[in-house]
């Protein structure tokens, strides 16, 4: 006798929900993969970004790996302490300090990146090669669209999150 409400939506038809489900299906394995190399996924992203674009500032790194700038201080600090990154200059209040990957950081990144490429092999993901390419392109497009939205009007509410209206 369970009947769906007229507005109900099948969750498996919602793209964002499918992304959440895929994240949960993969995240434990990815955390284990990176932990085997002494990294977190975010730390891997930081190393990869700095290998590609040496001398980035903390705020730009945060944008590129999708974390808050305040979180980046601890992330960079840990990687500097471990000898995987180095800060250029002394910095100080209000002075940006570029960050660079060290030779040791490049070595760790190379080994972890090889493991990531193996993990992402289409057949390991249960996909055909063309499907993996399409999925990657679509996910990059989705991420870019969300970044564009986030950089727009910060006061805009997400659809479906409007406050309840009082009825007269």
Protein backbone atom coordinates (compact mmCIF):
# COMPACT_ATOMS: atom_id res chain seq x y z
CA UNK A 1 0.00 0.00 0.00
CA UNK A 2 3.04 2.27 -0.29
CA UNK A 3 2.33 4.85 -2.95
CA UNK A 4 4.86 7.46 -4.00
CA UNK A 5 4.06 11.10 -3.47
CA UNK A 6 3.57 12.94 -6.78
CA UNK A 7 6.78 14.95 -6.24
CA UNK A 8 8.95 12.00 -5.25
CA UNK A 9 11.99 11.34 -7.38
CA UNK A 10 13.89 8.13 -7.80
CA UNK A 11 17.29 8.78 -6.22
CA UNK A 12 19.07 6.69 -8.81
CA UNK A 13 17.91 9.15 -11.50
CA UNK A 14 19.70 12.10 -9.85
CA UNK A 15 23.20 12.81 -11.21
CA UNK A 16 24.49 14.50 -8.05
CA UNK A 17 23.27 11.57 -5.95
CA UNK A 18 25.08 9.18 -8.32
CA UNK A 19 28.27 11.19 -7.72
CA UNK A 20 27.78 10.82 -3.95
CA UNK A 21 27.27 7.08 -4.32
CA UNK A 22 30.35 6.74 -6.54
CA UNK A 23 32.37 8.73 -4.01
CA UNK A 24 31.38 6.38 -1.21
CA UNK A 25 32.09 3.33 -3.37
CA UNK A 26 35.61 4.56 -4.17
CA UNK A 27 36.71 6.71 -1.23
CA UNK A 28 37.77 3.97 1.20
CA UNK A 29 39.94 2.34 -1.45
CA UNK A 30 41.46 5.68 -2.46
CA UNK A 31 42.25 6.63 1.15
CA UNK A 32 43.94 3.24 1.58
CA UNK A 33 45.88 3.67 -1.66
CA UNK A 34 47.18 7.09 -0.61
CA UNK A 35 47.83 5.99 2.98
CA UNK A 36 50.12 3.32 1.55
CA UNK A 37 52.25 6.20 0.26
CA UNK A 38 51.97 8.29 3.43
CA UNK A 39 49.50 10.73 1.88
CA UNK A 40 45.88 11.77 1.96
CA UNK A 41 44.00 12.44 -1.29
CA UNK A 42 44.27 16.20 -0.67
CA UNK A 43 48.03 15.98 -0.02
CA UNK A 44 48.40 14.03 -3.27
CA UNK A 45 46.48 16.79 -5.04
CA UNK A 46 48.72 19.46 -3.53
CA UNK A 47 51.88 17.64 -4.66
CA UNK A 48 50.44 17.11 -8.14
CA UNK A 49 49.44 20.76 -8.49
CA UNK A 50 52.86 22.00 -7.37
CA UNK A 51 54.66 19.58 -9.69
CA UNK A 52 52.67 21.08 -12.56
CA UNK A 53 52.70 24.72 -11.38
CA UNK A 54 55.66 25.42 -9.08
CA UNK A 55 55.43 28.40 -6.76
CA UNK A 56 51.67 28.52 -6.27
CA UNK A 57 50.33 30.48 -3.34
CA UNK A 58 48.35 28.83 -0.57
CA UNK A 59 45.01 30.34 -1.64
CA UNK A 60 45.41 29.16 -5.24
CA UNK A 61 46.37 25.67 -4.06
CA UNK A 62 43.23 25.58 -1.92
CA UNK A 63 41.09 26.51 -4.94
CA UNK A 64 42.72 23.88 -7.11
CA UNK A 65 42.28 21.02 -4.64
CA UNK A 66 38.85 22.22 -3.48
CA UNK A 67 39.58 22.88 0.19
CA UNK A 68 39.17 26.02 2.26
CA UNK A 69 42.22 28.31 2.33
CA UNK A 70 42.31 28.04 6.14
CA UNK A 71 42.72 24.24 5.85
CA UNK A 72 45.67 24.62 3.51
CA UNK A 73 47.93 26.02 6.26
CA UNK A 74 47.98 22.71 8.15
CA UNK A 75 48.21 20.63 4.96
CA UNK A 76 51.21 22.58 3.69
CA UNK A 77 52.78 22.65 7.16
CA UNK A 78 52.66 18.86 7.39
CA UNK A 79 54.15 18.40 3.92
CA UNK A 80 56.90 20.96 4.66
CA UNK A 81 57.71 19.21 7.95
CA UNK A 82 58.05 15.91 6.07
CA UNK A 83 60.37 17.47 3.50
CA UNK A 84 57.95 17.08 0.58
CA UNK A 85 57.40 20.83 0.10
CA UNK A 86 59.31 24.00 0.88
CA UNK A 87 58.14 27.55 1.34
CA UNK A 88 59.90 30.31 -0.60
CA UNK A 89 60.75 33.24 1.66
CA UNK A 90 59.71 34.13 5.17
CA UNK A 91 56.20 35.40 4.57
CA UNK A 92 54.60 37.16 7.44
CA UNK A 93 51.31 38.81 8.07
CA UNK A 94 49.65 39.57 4.75
CA UNK A 95 52.65 38.51 2.67
CA UNK A 96 52.01 35.57 0.36
CA UNK A 97 54.59 32.80 0.31
CA UNK A 98 54.99 30.63 -2.79
CA UNK A 99 55.27 26.89 -2.17
CA UNK A 100 57.41 24.43 -4.15
CA UNK A 101 57.65 20.67 -4.28
CA UNK A 102 61.01 19.18 -3.24
CA UNK A 103 62.91 16.33 -4.89
CA UNK A 104 61.60 14.02 -2.15
CA UNK A 105 58.08 15.28 -2.83
CA UNK A 106 58.50 14.49 -6.53
CA UNK A 107 59.65 10.96 -5.69
CA UNK A 108 56.66 10.33 -3.42
CA UNK A 109 54.33 11.85 -6.03
CA UNK A 110 55.75 9.70 -8.84
CA UNK A 111 55.18 6.47 -6.90
CA UNK A 112 51.68 7.49 -5.75
CA UNK A 113 50.76 8.72 -9.26
CA UNK A 114 51.76 5.35 -10.72
CA UNK A 115 49.47 3.61 -8.21
CA UNK A 116 46.67 6.06 -9.09
CA UNK A 117 47.04 5.35 -12.80
CA UNK A 118 46.76 1.61 -12.10
CA UNK A 119 43.74 2.18 -9.83
CA UNK A 120 42.10 4.25 -12.59
CA UNK A 121 42.61 1.72 -15.35
CA UNK A 122 39.20 1.44 -17.03
CA UNK A 123 38.88 -2.31 -16.48
CA UNK A 124 39.77 -1.85 -12.79
CA UNK A 125 36.86 0.61 -12.55
CA UNK A 126 34.52 -1.73 -14.42
CA UNK A 127 34.39 0.56 -17.46
CA UNK A 128 35.34 0.39 -21.11
CA UNK A 129 38.08 2.78 -22.14
CA UNK A 130 35.67 5.12 -23.95
CA UNK A 131 33.33 5.11 -20.91
CA UNK A 132 36.19 6.10 -18.61
CA UNK A 133 37.04 8.98 -20.96
CA UNK A 134 33.42 10.14 -21.11
CA UNK A 135 33.01 9.89 -17.34
CA UNK A 136 36.18 11.87 -16.73
CA UNK A 137 35.11 14.59 -19.17
CA UNK A 138 31.64 14.83 -17.63
CA UNK A 139 33.00 15.00 -14.08
CA UNK A 140 35.43 17.77 -15.07
CA UNK A 141 32.54 19.64 -16.67
CA UNK A 142 30.42 19.23 -13.53
CA UNK A 143 33.28 20.42 -11.30
CA UNK A 144 33.89 23.45 -13.51
CA UNK A 145 30.20 24.34 -13.45
CA UNK A 146 30.10 24.14 -9.65
CA UNK A 147 33.25 26.26 -9.36
CA UNK A 148 31.71 28.87 -11.67
CA UNK A 149 28.54 28.85 -9.59
CA UNK A 150 30.53 29.16 -6.35
CA UNK A 151 32.54 32.10 -7.67
CA UNK A 152 29.32 33.93 -8.58
CA UNK A 153 26.82 35.25 -6.07
CA UNK A 154 27.87 33.78 -2.72
CA UNK A 155 24.48 34.60 -1.21
CA UNK A 156 22.56 32.51 -3.72
CA UNK A 157 20.84 29.51 -2.17
CA UNK A 158 21.09 26.08 -3.70
CA UNK A 159 17.86 24.84 -5.29
CA UNK A 160 15.73 23.03 -2.74
CA UNK A 161 17.26 24.83 0.25
CA UNK A 162 14.91 27.80 0.43
CA UNK A 163 13.62 28.41 3.95
CA UNK A 164 10.10 27.22 4.63
CA UNK A 165 7.51 29.93 4.20
CA UNK A 166 4.92 30.54 6.82
CA UNK A 167 1.38 30.17 5.62
CA UNK A 168 -1.02 32.98 6.56
